[in-house]
Amino acid sequence: MKPKKIKLHKDESILEIIWDNDFVHRFPLKFLRDESPDAGNKGETIMWKHYPPPPKGPDKPGKYEIEKIDKVGNYGIQIKWKDGNDDGIYSWDLLVQMGDLIEVKNNLRKDLDNE
């Protein structure tokens, strides 16, 4: 899937993506940042050896606020956060998987609330 529209809802701290099949994913900014695919967050694997991420320091102001979103070819987006971090590329495939995960979690919560 490819996005048809990407919209930042600053007041809700949500990034909304409308895909080319008209499906909509709404991403909480905290979730996007905490699950960022960059090596400083997830670690990295080089020549089959995994290197864990460095220890996390205190959060900087603006950690969960988006300053800018840049398209990376036909592949995905790169988010520049207001704390200066712009590492990691969110591919379209990764965003679909993350959005589907949020949908599953939300549906499970609704099901549990209705029991």
C-alpha atoms as a PDB file:
ATOM      1  CA  MET A   1       0.000   0.000   0.000  1.00  0.00           C
ATOM      2  CA  LYS A   2       1.000   3.578  -0.595  1.00  0.00           C
ATOM      3  CA  PRO A   3      -0.382   6.626   1.216  1.00  0.00           C
ATOM      4  CA  LYS A   4      -2.895   8.878  -0.450  1.00  0.00           C
ATOM      5  CA  LYS A   5      -2.727  11.494   2.318  1.00  0.00           C
ATOM      6  CA  ILE A   6      -0.672  12.041   5.467  1.00  0.00           C
ATOM      7  CA  LYS A   7      -2.057  14.457   8.038  1.00  0.00           C
ATOM      8  CA  LEU A   8      -0.666  15.543  11.395  1.00  0.00           C
ATOM      9  CA  HIS A   9      -3.301  16.287  14.050  1.00  0.00           C
ATOM     10  CA  LYS A  10      -1.158  18.263  16.516  1.00  0.00           C
ATOM     11  CA  ASP A  11      -4.057  18.884  18.906  1.00  0.00           C
ATOM     12  CA  GLU A  12      -4.614  15.118  19.274  1.00  0.00           C
ATOM     13  CA  SER A  13      -0.934  14.087  18.963  1.00  0.00           C
ATOM     14  CA  ILE A  14      -1.959  11.792  16.087  1.00  0.00           C
ATOM     15  CA  LEU A  15      -0.456  11.135  12.659  1.00  0.00           C
ATOM     16  CA  GLU A  16      -3.158   9.971  10.258  1.00  0.00           C
ATOM     17  CA  ILE A  17      -2.418   8.099   7.046  1.00  0.00           C
ATOM     18  CA  ILE A  18      -5.089   7.469   4.433  1.00  0.00           C
ATOM     19  CA  TRP A  19      -3.896   4.652   2.191  1.00  0.00           C
ATOM     20  CA  ASP A  20      -4.567   4.178  -1.518  1.00  0.00           C
ATOM     21  CA  ASN A  21      -7.272   1.610  -0.660  1.00  0.00           C
ATOM     22  CA  ASP A  22      -8.985   4.284   1.540  1.00  0.00           C
ATOM     23  CA  PHE A  23      -8.097   2.460   4.771  1.00  0.00           C
ATOM     24  CA  VAL A  24      -7.118   4.869   7.549  1.00  0.00           C
ATOM     25  CA  HIS A  25      -4.490   4.340  10.231  1.00  0.00           C
ATOM     26  CA  ARG A  26      -4.184   6.764  13.150  1.00  0.00           C
ATOM     27  CA  PHE A  27      -0.857   6.663  14.977  1.00  0.00           C
ATOM     28  CA  PRO A  28      -0.347   8.165  18.434  1.00  0.00           C
ATOM     29  CA  LEU A  29       2.897  10.155  18.208  1.00  0.00           C
ATOM     30  CA  LYS A  30       4.209   8.563  21.410  1.00  0.00           C
ATOM     31  CA  PHE A  31       3.772   5.108  19.841  1.00  0.00           C
ATOM     32  CA  LEU A  32       5.539   6.168  16.618  1.00  0.00           C
ATOM     33  CA  ARG A  33       8.499   7.614  18.510  1.00  0.00           C
ATOM     34  CA  ASP A  34       8.797   4.784  21.029  1.00  0.00           C
ATOM     35  CA  GLU A  35       8.662   2.212  18.204  1.00  0.00           C
ATOM     36  CA  SER A  36      11.005   4.159  15.916  1.00  0.00           C
ATOM     37  CA  PRO A  37      12.996   1.830  13.645  1.00  0.00           C
ATOM     38  CA  ASP A  38      16.283   3.678  14.170  1.00  0.00           C
ATOM     39  CA  ALA A  39      19.350   1.878  15.525  1.00  0.00           C
ATOM     40  CA  GLY A  40      19.525   4.165  18.555  1.00  0.00           C
ATOM     41  CA  ASN A  41      16.106   2.866  19.588  1.00  0.00           C
ATOM     42  CA  LYS A  42      16.082  -0.760  18.417  1.00  0.00           C
ATOM     43  CA  GLY A  43      19.776  -1.558  18.102  1.00  0.00           C
ATOM     44  CA  GLU A  44      21.206  -2.888  14.871  1.00  0.00           C
ATOM     45  CA  THR A  45      22.470  -6.108  13.346  1.00  0.00           C
ATOM     46  CA  ILE A  46      25.727  -6.128  11.417  1.00  0.00           C
ATOM     47  CA  MET A  47      27.127  -9.336   9.925  1.00  0.00           C
ATOM     48  CA  TRP A  48      24.617 -11.429  11.932  1.00  0.00           C
ATOM     49  CA  LYS A  49      25.676  -9.846  15.243  1.00  0.00           C
ATOM     50  CA  HIS A  50      23.114  -7.779  17.122  1.00  0.00           C
ATOM     51  CA  TYR A  51      24.244  -4.619  18.868  1.00  0.00           C
ATOM     52  CA  PRO A  52      21.734  -3.347  21.439  1.00  0.00           C
ATOM     53  CA  PRO A  53      20.821   0.333  21.548  1.00  0.00           C
ATOM     54  CA  PRO A  54      22.764   2.605  23.898  1.00  0.00           C
ATOM     55  CA  PRO A  55      21.276   3.297  27.335  1.00  0.00           C
ATOM     56  CA  LYS A  56      18.520   5.879  27.209  1.00  0.00           C
ATOM     57  CA  GLY A  57      19.094   9.211  28.889  1.00  0.00           C
ATOM     58  CA  PRO A  58      16.442  11.602  30.140  1.00  0.00           C
ATOM     59  CA  ASP A  59      13.804  12.663  27.622  1.00  0.00           C
ATOM     60  CA  LYS A  60      14.380  15.986  25.908  1.00  0.00           C
ATOM     61  CA  PRO A  61      11.551  18.484  25.410  1.00  0.00           C
ATOM     62  CA  GLY A  62       9.758  17.868  22.124  1.00  0.00           C
ATOM     63  CA  LYS A  63      10.437  14.126  22.088  1.00  0.00           C
ATOM     64  CA  TYR A  64       6.847  13.356  21.069  1.00  0.00           C
ATOM     65  CA  GLU A  65       6.264  16.387  18.819  1.00  0.00           C
ATOM     66  CA  ILE A  66       6.806  16.282  15.062  1.00  0.00           C
ATOM     67  CA  GLU A  67       8.655  19.183  13.477  1.00  0.00           C
ATOM     68  CA  LYS A  68       8.725  17.911   9.904  1.00  0.00           C
ATOM     69  CA  ILE A  69       7.924  14.853   7.766  1.00  0.00           C
ATOM     70  CA  ASP A  70       9.950  14.117   4.644  1.00  0.00           C
ATOM     71  CA  LYS A  71       9.083  11.555   2.008  1.00  0.00           C
ATOM     72  CA  VAL A  72      11.899   9.085   1.278  1.00  0.00           C
ATOM     73  CA  GLY A  73      11.505   8.152  -2.387  1.00  0.00           C
ATOM     74  CA  ASN A  74       8.597   5.753  -2.931  1.00  0.00           C
ATOM     75  CA  TYR A  75       9.685   3.860   0.154  1.00  0.00           C
ATOM     76  CA  GLY A  76       8.452   5.685   3.245  1.00  0.00           C
ATOM     77  CA  ILE A  77       8.894   8.744   5.438  1.00  0.00           C
ATOM     78  CA  GLN A  78      11.490  10.197   7.751  1.00  0.00           C
ATOM     79  CA  ILE A  79      10.198  12.103  10.764  1.00  0.00           C
ATOM     80  CA  LYS A  80      12.112  14.963  12.334  1.00  0.00           C
ATOM     81  CA  TRP A  81      11.086  15.265  15.965  1.00  0.00           C
ATOM     82  CA  LYS A  82      11.234  18.588  17.819  1.00  0.00           C
ATOM     83  CA  ASP A  83      13.994  17.275  20.095  1.00  0.00           C
ATOM     84  CA  GLY A  84      16.250  17.090  17.017  1.00  0.00           C
ATOM     85  CA  ASN A  85      16.062  13.341  16.371  1.00  0.00           C
ATOM     86  CA  ASP A  86      15.539  12.408  12.745  1.00  0.00           C
ATOM     87  CA  ASP A  87      17.018   8.904  12.696  1.00  0.00           C
ATOM     88  CA  GLY A  88      15.089   5.999  11.269  1.00  0.00           C
ATOM     89  CA  ILE A  89      12.977   5.607   8.170  1.00  0.00           C
ATOM     90  CA  TYR A  90       9.392   4.451   8.509  1.00  0.00           C
ATOM     91  CA  SER A  91       8.753   2.346   5.405  1.00  0.00           C
ATOM     92  CA  TRP A  92       5.201   2.043   4.097  1.00  0.00           C
ATOM     93  CA  ASP A  93       5.245  -1.670   4.975  1.00  0.00           C
ATOM     94  CA  LEU A  94       6.353  -0.939   8.541  1.00  0.00           C
ATOM     95  CA  LEU A  95       3.664   1.724   8.949  1.00  0.00           C
ATOM     96  CA  VAL A  96       0.982  -0.688   7.697  1.00  0.00           C
ATOM     97  CA  GLN A  97       2.175  -3.311  10.205  1.00  0.00           C
ATOM     98  CA  MET A  98       2.282  -0.761  13.030  1.00  0.00           C
ATOM     99  CA  GLY A  99      -1.172   0.555  12.115  1.00  0.00           C
ATOM    100  CA  ASP A 100      -2.608  -2.953  12.005  1.00  0.00           C
ATOM    101  CA  LEU A 101      -1.099  -3.660  15.435  1.00  0.00           C
ATOM    102  CA  ILE A 102      -2.802  -0.565  16.850  1.00  0.00           C
ATOM    103  CA  GLU A 103      -6.116  -1.705  15.313  1.00  0.00           C
ATOM    104  CA  VAL A 104      -5.791  -5.167  16.887  1.00  0.00           C
ATOM    105  CA  LYS A 105      -4.976  -3.679  20.302  1.00  0.00           C
ATOM    106  CA  ASN A 106      -7.917  -1.267  20.084  1.00  0.00           C
ATOM    107  CA  ASN A 107     -10.310  -4.058  19.063  1.00  0.00           C
ATOM    108  CA  LEU A 108      -9.107  -6.281  21.912  1.00  0.00           C
ATOM    109  CA  ARG A 109      -9.683  -3.445  24.373  1.00  0.00           C
ATOM    110  CA  LYS A 110     -13.213  -2.944  23.032  1.00  0.00           C
ATOM    111  CA  ASP A 111     -13.934  -6.677  23.264  1.00  0.00           C
ATOM    112  CA  LEU A 112     -12.654  -6.824  26.847  1.00  0.00           C
ATOM    113  CA  ASP A 113     -14.647  -3.731  27.808  1.00  0.00           C
ATOM    114  CA  ASN A 114     -17.826  -5.342  26.442  1.00  0.00           C
ATOM    115  CA  GLU A 115     -17.448  -8.524  28.505  1.00  0.00           C
END
